[in-house]
Amino acid sequence: STGSELVLAPYLGVVWAEGEFSELAWEETDGVRTVLGL
């Protein structure tokens, strides 16, 4: 069977990056960015 329970997982996440390359698409974050999720 699929089982009789579901796991709910609220979370808080942060991401940071610096030292970008001008030739690439990814960029610096200019500080810390925050995500709320489930």
Full PDB file with SEQRES, HELIX, SHEET, SSBOND, CRYST1, ORIGX, SCALE, CONECT and MASTER records, all heavy atoms in Angstrom:
SEQRES   1 A   38  SER THR GLY SER GLU LEU VAL LEU ALA PRO TYR LEU GLY          
SEQRES   2 A   38  VAL VAL TRP ALA GLU GLY GLU PHE SER GLU LEU ALA TRP          
SEQRES   3 A   38  GLU GLU THR ASP GLY VAL ARG THR VAL LEU GLY LEU              
SHEET    1 AA1 2 TYR A  11  VAL A  15  0                                        
SHEET    2 AA1 2 ARG A  33  GLY A  37 -1                                        
CRYST1    1.000    1.000    1.000  90.00  90.00  90.00 P 1           1          
ORIGX1      1.000000  0.000000  0.000000        0.00000                         
ORIGX2      0.000000  1.000000  0.000000        0.00000                         
ORIGX3      0.000000  0.000000  1.000000        0.00000                         
SCALE1      1.000000  0.000000  0.000000        0.00000                         
SCALE2      0.000000  1.000000  0.000000        0.00000                         
SCALE3      0.000000  0.000000  1.000000        0.00000                         
ATOM      1  N   SER A   1       0.840  -1.196   0.000  1.00  0.00           N  
ATOM      2  CA  SER A   1       0.000   0.000   0.000  1.00  0.00           C  
ATOM      3  C   SER A   1       0.871   1.240   0.000  1.00  0.00           C  
ATOM      4  O   SER A   1       2.101   1.162   0.080  1.00  0.00           O  
ATOM      5  CB  SER A   1      -0.912   0.016   1.230  1.00  0.00           C  
ATOM      6  OG  SER A   1      -0.156   0.311   2.398  1.00  0.00           O  
ATOM      7  N   THR A   2       0.224   2.384  -0.076  1.00  0.00           N  
ATOM      8  CA  THR A   2       0.949   3.662  -0.059  1.00  0.00           C  
ATOM      9  C   THR A   2       1.358   4.070   1.350  1.00  0.00           C  
ATOM     10  O   THR A   2       2.081   5.052   1.523  1.00  0.00           O  
ATOM     11  CB  THR A   2       0.079   4.775  -0.645  1.00  0.00           C  
ATOM     12  OG1 THR A   2      -1.131   4.880   0.133  1.00  0.00           O  
ATOM     13  CG2 THR A   2      -0.278   4.486  -2.095  1.00  0.00           C  
ATOM     14  N   GLY A   3       0.906   3.320   2.365  1.00  0.00           N  
ATOM     15  CA  GLY A   3       1.167   3.722   3.740  1.00  0.00           C  
ATOM     16  C   GLY A   3       0.050   4.599   4.259  1.00  0.00           C  
ATOM     17  O   GLY A   3      -0.740   5.158   3.488  1.00  0.00           O  
ATOM     18  N   SER A   4      -0.032   4.746   5.558  1.00  0.00           N  
ATOM     19  CA  SER A   4      -1.146   5.469   6.170  1.00  0.00           C  
ATOM     20  C   SER A   4      -0.747   6.812   6.765  1.00  0.00           C  
ATOM     21  O   SER A   4      -1.457   7.354   7.607  1.00  0.00           O  
ATOM     22  CB  SER A   4      -1.779   4.603   7.262  1.00  0.00           C  
ATOM     23  OG  SER A   4      -0.811   4.255   8.248  1.00  0.00           O  
ATOM     24  N   GLU A   5       0.394   7.351   6.363  1.00  0.00           N  
ATOM     25  CA  GLU A   5       0.780   8.660   6.876  1.00  0.00           C  
ATOM     26  C   GLU A   5       1.487   9.499   5.822  1.00  0.00           C  
ATOM     27  O   GLU A   5       2.023   8.981   4.833  1.00  0.00           O  
ATOM     28  CB  GLU A   5       1.668   8.543   8.113  1.00  0.00           C  
ATOM     29  CG  GLU A   5       3.054   8.031   7.871  1.00  0.00           C  
ATOM     30  CD  GLU A   5       3.912   8.012   9.131  1.00  0.00           C  
ATOM     31  OE1 GLU A   5       3.363   7.968  10.242  1.00  0.00           O  
ATOM     32  OE2 GLU A   5       5.152   8.038   8.989  1.00  0.00           O  
ATOM     33  N   LEU A   6       1.442  10.781   6.049  1.00  0.00           N  
ATOM     34  CA  LEU A   6       2.113  11.780   5.214  1.00  0.00           C  
ATOM     35  C   LEU A   6       3.027  12.572   6.138  1.00  0.00           C  
ATOM     36  O   LEU A   6       2.649  12.891   7.265  1.00  0.00           O  
ATOM     37  CB  LEU A   6       1.070  12.698   4.570  1.00  0.00           C  
ATOM     38  CG  LEU A   6       1.570  13.848   3.694  1.00  0.00           C  
ATOM     39  CD1 LEU A   6       2.043  13.304   2.346  1.00  0.00           C  
ATOM     40  CD2 LEU A   6       0.443  14.858   3.466  1.00  0.00           C  
ATOM     41  N   VAL A   7       4.226  12.870   5.690  1.00  0.00           N  
ATOM     42  CA  VAL A   7       5.154  13.659   6.494  1.00  0.00           C  
ATOM     43  C   VAL A   7       5.142  15.098   5.983  1.00  0.00           C  
ATOM     44  O   VAL A   7       5.440  15.357   4.812  1.00  0.00           O  
ATOM     45  CB  VAL A   7       6.585  13.090   6.429  1.00  0.00           C  
ATOM     46  CG1 VAL A   7       7.551  13.998   7.199  1.00  0.00           C  
ATOM     47  CG2 VAL A   7       6.625  11.683   7.011  1.00  0.00           C  
ATOM     48  N   LEU A   8       4.760  16.029   6.859  1.00  0.00           N  
ATOM     49  CA  LEU A   8       4.808  17.450   6.539  1.00  0.00           C  
ATOM     50  C   LEU A   8       6.107  18.029   7.082  1.00  0.00           C  
ATOM     51  O   LEU A   8       6.504  17.728   8.217  1.00  0.00           O  
ATOM     52  CB  LEU A   8       3.614  18.179   7.156  1.00  0.00           C  
ATOM     53  CG  LEU A   8       2.229  17.745   6.668  1.00  0.00           C  
ATOM     54  CD1 LEU A   8       1.142  18.559   7.378  1.00  0.00           C  
ATOM     55  CD2 LEU A   8       2.109  17.894   5.165  1.00  0.00           C  
ATOM     56  N   ALA A   9       6.780  18.867   6.276  1.00  0.00           N  
ATOM     57  CA  ALA A   9       8.105  19.357   6.651  1.00  0.00           C  
ATOM     58  C   ALA A   9       8.238  20.848   6.339  1.00  0.00           C  
ATOM     59  O   ALA A   9       8.779  21.219   5.281  1.00  0.00           O  
ATOM     60  CB  ALA A   9       9.188  18.558   5.933  1.00  0.00           C  
ATOM     61  N   PRO A  10       7.731  21.732   7.214  1.00  0.00           N  
ATOM     62  CA  PRO A  10       7.989  23.161   7.020  1.00  0.00           C  
ATOM     63  C   PRO A  10       9.475  23.458   7.196  1.00  0.00           C  
ATOM     64  O   PRO A  10      10.149  22.829   8.015  1.00  0.00           O  
ATOM     65  CB  PRO A  10       7.150  23.826   8.118  1.00  0.00           C  
ATOM     66  CG  PRO A  10       6.949  22.763   9.147  1.00  0.00           C  
ATOM     67  CD  PRO A  10       6.937  21.458   8.416  1.00  0.00           C  
ATOM     68  N   TYR A  11       9.990  24.402   6.406  1.00  0.00           N  
ATOM     69  CA  TYR A  11      11.425  24.692   6.498  1.00  0.00           C  
ATOM     70  C   TYR A  11      11.733  26.158   6.228  1.00  0.00           C  
ATOM     71  O   TYR A  11      10.946  26.885   5.613  1.00  0.00           O  
ATOM     72  CB  TYR A  11      12.231  23.795   5.561  1.00  0.00           C  
ATOM     73  CG  TYR A  11      11.939  23.962   4.080  1.00  0.00           C  
ATOM     74  CD1 TYR A  11      12.556  24.960   3.324  1.00  0.00           C  
ATOM     75  CD2 TYR A  11      11.069  23.096   3.428  1.00  0.00           C  
ATOM     76  CE1 TYR A  11      12.302  25.098   1.973  1.00  0.00           C  
ATOM     77  CE2 TYR A  11      10.811  23.217   2.073  1.00  0.00           C  
ATOM     78  CZ  TYR A  11      11.429  24.225   1.348  1.00  0.00           C  
ATOM     79  OH  TYR A  11      11.179  24.360   0.012  1.00  0.00           O  
ATOM     80  N   LEU A  12      12.886  26.560   6.700  1.00  0.00           N  
ATOM     81  CA  LEU A  12      13.462  27.881   6.440  1.00  0.00           C  
ATOM     82  C   LEU A  12      14.802  27.667   5.764  1.00  0.00           C  
ATOM     83  O   LEU A  12      15.631  26.893   6.249  1.00  0.00           O  
ATOM     84  CB  LEU A  12      13.651  28.649   7.756  1.00  0.00           C  
ATOM     85  CG  LEU A  12      14.484  29.939   7.690  1.00  0.00           C  
ATOM     86  CD1 LEU A  12      13.731  31.017   6.908  1.00  0.00           C  
ATOM     87  CD2 LEU A  12      14.828  30.437   9.089  1.00  0.00           C  
ATOM     88  N   GLY A  13      15.021  28.326   4.622  1.00  0.00           N  
ATOM     89  CA  GLY A  13      16.273  28.166   3.893  1.00  0.00           C  
ATOM     90  C   GLY A  13      16.915  29.501   3.559  1.00  0.00           C  
ATOM     91  O   GLY A  13      16.215  30.513   3.398  1.00  0.00           O  
ATOM     92  N   VAL A  14      18.242  29.503   3.461  1.00  0.00           N  
ATOM     93  CA  VAL A  14      18.979  30.703   3.078  1.00  0.00           C  
ATOM     94  C   VAL A  14      20.019  30.320   2.029  1.00  0.00           C  
ATOM     95  O   VAL A  14      20.500  29.180   1.989  1.00  0.00           O  
ATOM     96  CB  VAL A  14      19.677  31.378   4.283  1.00  0.00           C  
ATOM     97  CG1 VAL A  14      18.652  31.920   5.265  1.00  0.00           C  
ATOM     98  CG2 VAL A  14      20.617  30.399   4.991  1.00  0.00           C  
ATOM     99  N   VAL A  15      20.371  31.273   1.170  1.00  0.00           N  
ATOM    100  CA  VAL A  15      21.365  31.043   0.129  1.00  0.00           C  
ATOM    101  C   VAL A  15      22.218  32.295  -0.029  1.00  0.00           C  
ATOM    102  O   VAL A  15      21.723  33.422   0.125  1.00  0.00           O  
ATOM    103  CB  VAL A  15      20.676  30.655  -1.205  1.00  0.00           C  
ATOM    104  CG1 VAL A  15      19.755  31.759  -1.683  1.00  0.00           C  
ATOM    105  CG2 VAL A  15      21.692  30.305  -2.272  1.00  0.00           C  
ATOM    106  N   TRP A  16      23.497  32.095  -0.330  1.00  0.00           N  
ATOM    107  CA  TRP A  16      24.434  33.220  -0.483  1.00  0.00           C  
ATOM    108  C   TRP A  16      25.481  32.833  -1.514  1.00  0.00           C  
ATOM    109  O   TRP A  16      25.912  31.681  -1.577  1.00  0.00           O  
ATOM    110  CB  TRP A  16      25.103  33.516   0.859  1.00  0.00           C  
ATOM    111  CG  TRP A  16      26.326  34.394   0.774  1.00  0.00           C  
ATOM    112  CD1 TRP A  16      26.371  35.755   0.757  1.00  0.00           C  
ATOM    113  CD2 TRP A  16      27.697  33.956   0.691  1.00  0.00           C  
ATOM    114  NE1 TRP A  16      27.680  36.192   0.675  1.00  0.00           N  
ATOM    115  CE2 TRP A  16      28.504  35.107   0.632  1.00  0.00           C  
ATOM    116  CE3 TRP A  16      28.296  32.703   0.651  1.00  0.00           C  
ATOM    117  CZ2 TRP A  16      29.888  35.031   0.541  1.00  0.00           C  
ATOM    118  CZ3 TRP A  16      29.683  32.618   0.559  1.00  0.00           C  
ATOM    119  CH2 TRP A  16      30.466  33.784   0.511  1.00  0.00           C  
ATOM    120  N   ALA A  17      25.886  33.804  -2.348  1.00  0.00           N  
ATOM    121  CA  ALA A  17      26.934  33.555  -3.345  1.00  0.00           C  
ATOM    122  C   ALA A  17      27.624  34.866  -3.693  1.00  0.00           C  
ATOM    123  O   ALA A  17      26.986  35.934  -3.736  1.00  0.00           O  
ATOM    124  CB  ALA A  17      26.351  32.921  -4.600  1.00  0.00           C  
ATOM    125  N   GLU A  18      28.919  34.785  -3.982  1.00  0.00           N  
ATOM    126  CA  GLU A  18      29.671  35.950  -4.422  1.00  0.00           C  
ATOM    127  C   GLU A  18      30.844  35.491  -5.280  1.00  0.00           C  
ATOM    128  O   GLU A  18      31.165  34.313  -5.373  1.00  0.00           O  
ATOM    129  CB  GLU A  18      30.157  36.787  -3.233  1.00  0.00           C  
ATOM    130  CG  GLU A  18      31.236  36.130  -2.401  1.00  0.00           C  
ATOM    131  CD  GLU A  18      31.797  37.065  -1.348  1.00  0.00           C  
ATOM    132  OE1 GLU A  18      31.125  38.054  -0.995  1.00  0.00           O  
ATOM    133  OE2 GLU A  18      32.931  36.805  -0.891  1.00  0.00           O  
ATOM    134  N   GLY A  19      31.513  36.478  -5.911  1.00  0.00           N  
ATOM    135  CA  GLY A  19      32.637  36.166  -6.797  1.00  0.00           C  
ATOM    136  C   GLY A  19      32.172  35.693  -8.149  1.00  0.00           C  
ATOM    137  O   GLY A  19      32.673  34.698  -8.674  1.00  0.00           O  
ATOM    138  N   GLU A  20      31.218  36.396  -8.751  1.00  0.00           N  
ATOM    139  CA  GLU A  20      30.595  35.929  -9.989  1.00  0.00           C  
ATOM    140  C   GLU A  20      31.541  36.009 -11.185  1.00  0.00           C  
ATOM    141  O   GLU A  20      32.521  36.752 -11.184  1.00  0.00           O  
ATOM    142  CB  GLU A  20      29.327  36.730 -10.280  1.00  0.00           C  
ATOM    143  CG  GLU A  20      29.574  38.180 -10.652  1.00  0.00           C  
ATOM    144  CD  GLU A  20      28.271  38.907 -10.966  1.00  0.00           C  
ATOM    145  OE1 GLU A  20      27.319  38.250 -11.417  1.00  0.00           O  
ATOM    146  OE2 GLU A  20      28.211  40.120 -10.745  1.00  0.00           O  
ATOM    147  N   PHE A  21      31.209  35.253 -12.217  1.00  0.00           N  
ATOM    148  CA  PHE A  21      31.899  35.271 -13.497  1.00  0.00           C  
ATOM    149  C   PHE A  21      31.012  36.012 -14.492  1.00  0.00           C  
ATOM    150  O   PHE A  21      29.854  35.636 -14.683  1.00  0.00           O  
ATOM    151  CB  PHE A  21      32.150  33.850 -14.003  1.00  0.00           C  
ATOM    152  CG  PHE A  21      33.142  33.071 -13.193  1.00  0.00           C  
ATOM    153  CD1 PHE A  21      32.765  32.473 -11.993  1.00  0.00           C  
ATOM    154  CD2 PHE A  21      34.449  32.918 -13.621  1.00  0.00           C  
ATOM    155  CE1 PHE A  21      33.661  31.738 -11.250  1.00  0.00           C  
ATOM    156  CE2 PHE A  21      35.360  32.184 -12.885  1.00  0.00           C  
ATOM    157  CZ  PHE A  21      34.975  31.600 -11.688  1.00  0.00           C  
ATOM    158  N   SER A  22      31.555  37.003 -15.179  1.00  0.00           N  
ATOM    159  CA  SER A  22      30.748  37.784 -16.115  1.00  0.00           C  
ATOM    160  C   SER A  22      30.265  36.951 -17.297  1.00  0.00           C  
ATOM    161  O   SER A  22      29.261  37.275 -17.931  1.00  0.00           O  
ATOM    162  CB  SER A  22      31.546  38.989 -16.614  1.00  0.00           C  
ATOM    163  OG  SER A  22      32.742  38.575 -17.259  1.00  0.00           O  
ATOM    164  N   GLU A  23      30.963  35.831 -17.605  1.00  0.00           N  
ATOM    165  CA  GLU A  23      30.600  35.011 -18.763  1.00  0.00           C  
ATOM    166  C   GLU A  23      29.475  34.023 -18.457  1.00  0.00           C  
ATOM    167  O   GLU A  23      28.933  33.396 -19.375  1.00  0.00           O  
ATOM    168  CB  GLU A  23      31.822  34.215 -19.254  1.00  0.00           C  
ATOM    169  CG  GLU A  23      33.051  35.064 -19.580  1.00  0.00           C  
ATOM    170  CD  GLU A  23      33.949  35.252 -18.366  1.00  0.00           C  
ATOM    171  OE1 GLU A  23      33.489  34.973 -17.223  1.00  0.00           O  
ATOM    172  OE2 GLU A  23      35.114  35.658 -18.552  1.00  0.00           O  
ATOM    173  N   LEU A  24      29.105  33.844 -17.188  1.00  0.00           N  
ATOM    174  CA  LEU A  24      28.127  32.841 -16.804  1.00  0.00           C  
ATOM    175  C   LEU A  24      26.816  33.481 -16.355  1.00  0.00           C  
ATOM    176  O   LEU A  24      26.785  34.637 -15.944  1.00  0.00           O  
ATOM    177  CB  LEU A  24      28.689  31.969 -15.672  1.00  0.00           C  
ATOM    178  CG  LEU A  24      29.967  31.200 -16.016  1.00  0.00           C  
ATOM    179  CD1 LEU A  24      30.464  30.431 -14.809  1.00  0.00           C  
ATOM    180  CD2 LEU A  24      29.738  30.260 -17.193  1.00  0.00           C  
ATOM    181  N   ALA A  25      25.748  32.684 -16.416  1.00  0.00           N  
ATOM    182  CA  ALA A  25      24.408  33.209 -16.135  1.00  0.00           C  
ATOM    183  C   ALA A  25      24.167  33.418 -14.640  1.00  0.00           C  
ATOM    184  O   ALA A  25      23.394  34.302 -14.256  1.00  0.00           O  
ATOM    185  CB  ALA A  25      23.348  32.265 -16.702  1.00  0.00           C  
ATOM    186  N   TRP A  26      24.802  32.592 -13.765  1.00  0.00           N  
ATOM    187  CA  TRP A  26      24.536  32.753 -12.337  1.00  0.00           C  
ATOM    188  C   TRP A  26      25.252  33.971 -11.788  1.00  0.00           C  
ATOM    189  O   TRP A  26      26.355  34.325 -12.198  1.00  0.00           O  
ATOM    190  CB  TRP A  26      24.898  31.494 -11.559  1.00  0.00           C  
ATOM    191  CG  TRP A  26      26.067  30.695 -12.038  1.00  0.00           C  
ATOM    192  CD1 TRP A  26      27.362  30.794 -11.644  1.00  0.00           C  
ATOM    193  CD2 TRP A  26      26.032  29.620 -12.994  1.00  0.00           C  
ATOM    194  NE1 TRP A  26      28.144  29.873 -12.278  1.00  0.00           N  
ATOM    195  CE2 TRP A  26      27.353  29.133 -13.114  1.00  0.00           C  
ATOM    196  CE3 TRP A  26      25.024  29.030 -13.761  1.00  0.00           C  
ATOM    197  CZ2 TRP A  26      27.678  28.075 -13.961  1.00  0.00           C  
ATOM    198  CZ3 TRP A  26      25.350  27.975 -14.604  1.00  0.00           C  
ATOM    199  CH2 TRP A  26      26.663  27.516 -14.680  1.00  0.00           C  
ATOM    200  N   GLU A  27      24.624  34.624 -10.802  1.00  0.00           N  
ATOM    201  CA  GLU A  27      25.073  35.912 -10.295  1.00  0.00           C  
ATOM    202  C   GLU A  27      25.292  35.866  -8.784  1.00  0.00           C  
ATOM    203  O   GLU A  27      24.918  34.916  -8.114  1.00  0.00           O  
ATOM    204  CB  GLU A  27      24.013  36.983 -10.614  1.00  0.00           C  
ATOM    205  CG  GLU A  27      23.651  37.089 -12.083  1.00  0.00           C  
ATOM    206  CD  GLU A  27      22.473  38.025 -12.303  1.00  0.00           C  
ATOM    207  OE1 GLU A  27      21.837  38.407 -11.294  1.00  0.00           O  
ATOM    208  OE2 GLU A  27      22.198  38.359 -13.460  1.00  0.00           O  
ATOM    209  N   GLU A  28      25.890  36.942  -8.269  1.00  0.00           N  
ATOM    210  CA  GLU A  28      25.998  37.110  -6.824  1.00  0.00           C  
ATOM    211  C   GLU A  28      24.614  37.387  -6.231  1.00  0.00           C  
ATOM    212  O   GLU A  28      23.743  37.961  -6.893  1.00  0.00           O  
ATOM    213  CB  GLU A  28      26.934  38.265  -6.491  1.00  0.00           C  
ATOM    214  CG  GLU A  28      28.379  38.047  -6.926  1.00  0.00           C  
ATOM    215  CD  GLU A  28      29.269  39.219  -6.551  1.00  0.00           C  
ATOM    216  OE1 GLU A  28      28.712  40.314  -6.301  1.00  0.00           O  
ATOM    217  OE2 GLU A  28      30.499  39.047  -6.500  1.00  0.00           O  
ATOM    218  N   THR A  29      24.417  36.992  -4.980  1.00  0.00           N  
ATOM    219  CA  THR A  29      23.124  37.222  -4.331  1.00  0.00           C  
ATOM    220  C   THR A  29      23.003  38.614  -3.731  1.00  0.00           C  
ATOM    221  O   THR A  29      21.912  39.033  -3.347  1.00  0.00           O  
ATOM    222  CB  THR A  29      22.899  36.193  -3.214  1.00  0.00           C  
ATOM    223  OG1 THR A  29      24.001  36.261  -2.288  1.00  0.00           O  
ATOM    224  CG2 THR A  29      22.797  34.783  -3.786  1.00  0.00           C  
ATOM    225  N   ASP A  30      24.109  39.339  -3.602  1.00  0.00           N  
ATOM    226  CA  ASP A  30      24.090  40.657  -2.954  1.00  0.00           C  
ATOM    227  C   ASP A  30      23.526  40.546  -1.542  1.00  0.00           C  
ATOM    228  O   ASP A  30      22.561  41.215  -1.170  1.00  0.00           O  
ATOM    229  CB  ASP A  30      23.281  41.652  -3.783  1.00  0.00           C  
ATOM    230  CG  ASP A  30      23.461  43.097  -3.304  1.00  0.00           C  
ATOM    231  OD1 ASP A  30      24.491  43.373  -2.660  1.00  0.00           O  
ATOM    232  OD2 ASP A  30      22.564  43.919  -3.553  1.00  0.00           O  
ATOM    233  N   GLY A  31      24.122  39.666  -0.760  1.00  0.00           N  
ATOM    234  CA  GLY A  31      23.650  39.409   0.596  1.00  0.00           C  
ATOM    235  C   GLY A  31      23.006  38.028   0.685  1.00  0.00           C  
ATOM    236  O   GLY A  31      23.115  37.211  -0.224  1.00  0.00           O  
ATOM    237  N   VAL A  32      22.310  37.790   1.782  1.00  0.00           N  
ATOM    238  CA  VAL A  32      21.654  36.497   2.009  1.00  0.00           C  
ATOM    239  C   VAL A  32      20.201  36.567   1.562  1.00  0.00           C  
ATOM    240  O   VAL A  32      19.485  37.510   1.879  1.00  0.00           O  
ATOM    241  CB  VAL A  32      21.723  36.111   3.504  1.00  0.00           C  
ATOM    242  CG1 VAL A  32      20.932  34.838   3.778  1.00  0.00           C  
ATOM    243  CG2 VAL A  32      23.180  35.931   3.938  1.00  0.00           C  
ATOM    244  N   ARG A  33      19.767  35.570   0.813  1.00  0.00           N  
ATOM    245  CA  ARG A  33      18.380  35.459   0.376  1.00  0.00           C  
ATOM    246  C   ARG A  33      17.681  34.371   1.198  1.00  0.00           C  
ATOM    247  O   ARG A  33      18.297  33.370   1.557  1.00  0.00           O  
ATOM    248  CB  ARG A  33      18.309  35.124  -1.117  1.00  0.00           C  
ATOM    249  CG  ARG A  33      18.892  36.211  -2.011  1.00  0.00           C  
ATOM    250  CD  ARG A  33      18.888  35.776  -3.464  1.00  0.00           C  
ATOM    251  NE  ARG A  33      17.543  35.532  -3.970  1.00  0.00           N  
ATOM    252  CZ  ARG A  33      16.767  36.459  -4.527  1.00  0.00           C  
ATOM    253  NH1 ARG A  33      17.200  37.705  -4.640  1.00  0.00           N  
ATOM    254  NH2 ARG A  33      15.565  36.148  -4.966  1.00  0.00           N  
ATOM    255  N   THR A  34      16.390  34.585   1.468  1.00  0.00           N  
ATOM    256  CA  THR A  34      15.656  33.714   2.387  1.00  0.00           C  
ATOM    257  C   THR A  34      14.442  33.092   1.708  1.00  0.00           C  
ATOM    258  O   THR A  34      13.754  33.750   0.931  1.00  0.00           O  
ATOM    259  CB  THR A  34      15.189  34.507   3.621  1.00  0.00           C  
ATOM    260  OG1 THR A  34      16.316  35.160   4.214  1.00  0.00           O  
ATOM    261  CG2 THR A  34      14.550  33.578   4.653  1.00  0.00           C  
ATOM    262  N   VAL A  35      14.198  31.824   2.026  1.00  0.00           N  
ATOM    263  CA  VAL A  35      13.063  31.079   1.477  1.00  0.00           C  
ATOM    264  C   VAL A  35      12.290  30.432   2.622  1.00  0.00           C  
ATOM    265  O   VAL A  35      12.891  29.870   3.549  1.00  0.00           O  
ATOM    266  CB  VAL A  35      13.539  29.987   0.496  1.00  0.00           C  
ATOM    267  CG1 VAL A  35      12.422  28.995   0.191  1.00  0.00           C  
ATOM    268  CG2 VAL A  35      14.049  30.611  -0.795  1.00  0.00           C  
ATOM    269  N   LEU A  36      10.958  30.499   2.565  1.00  0.00           N  
ATOM    270  CA  LEU A  36      10.078  29.753   3.461  1.00  0.00           C  
ATOM    271  C   LEU A  36       9.428  28.649   2.629  1.00  0.00           C  
ATOM    272  O   LEU A  36       8.956  28.910   1.518  1.00  0.00           O  
ATOM    273  CB  LEU A  36       9.011  30.649   4.070  1.00  0.00           C  
ATOM    274  CG  LEU A  36       9.507  31.770   4.983  1.00  0.00           C  
ATOM    275  CD1 LEU A  36       8.330  32.612   5.467  1.00  0.00           C  
ATOM    276  CD2 LEU A  36      10.266  31.206   6.176  1.00  0.00           C  
ATOM    277  N   GLY A  37       9.400  27.425   3.158  1.00  0.00           N  
ATOM    278  CA  GLY A  37       8.887  26.336   2.338  1.00  0.00           C  
ATOM    279  C   GLY A  37       8.143  25.282   3.131  1.00  0.00           C  
ATOM    280  O   GLY A  37       8.140  25.273   4.372  1.00  0.00           O  
ATOM    281  N   LEU A  38       7.508  24.389   2.380  1.00  0.00           N  
ATOM    282  CA  LEU A  38       6.821  23.240   2.960  1.00  0.00           C  
ATOM    283  C   LEU A  38       7.093  22.024   2.091  1.00  0.00           C  
ATOM    284  O   LEU A  38       6.808  22.029   0.890  1.00  0.00           O  
ATOM    285  CB  LEU A  38       5.313  23.486   3.037  1.00  0.00           C  
ATOM    286  CG  LEU A  38       4.480  22.294   3.527  1.00  0.00           C  
ATOM    287  CD1 LEU A  38       4.809  21.971   4.980  1.00  0.00           C  
ATOM    288  CD2 LEU A  38       2.989  22.562   3.352  1.00  0.00           C  
TER     289      LEU A  38                                                      
MASTER        0    0    0    0    2    0    0    6  288    1    0    3          
END                                                                             
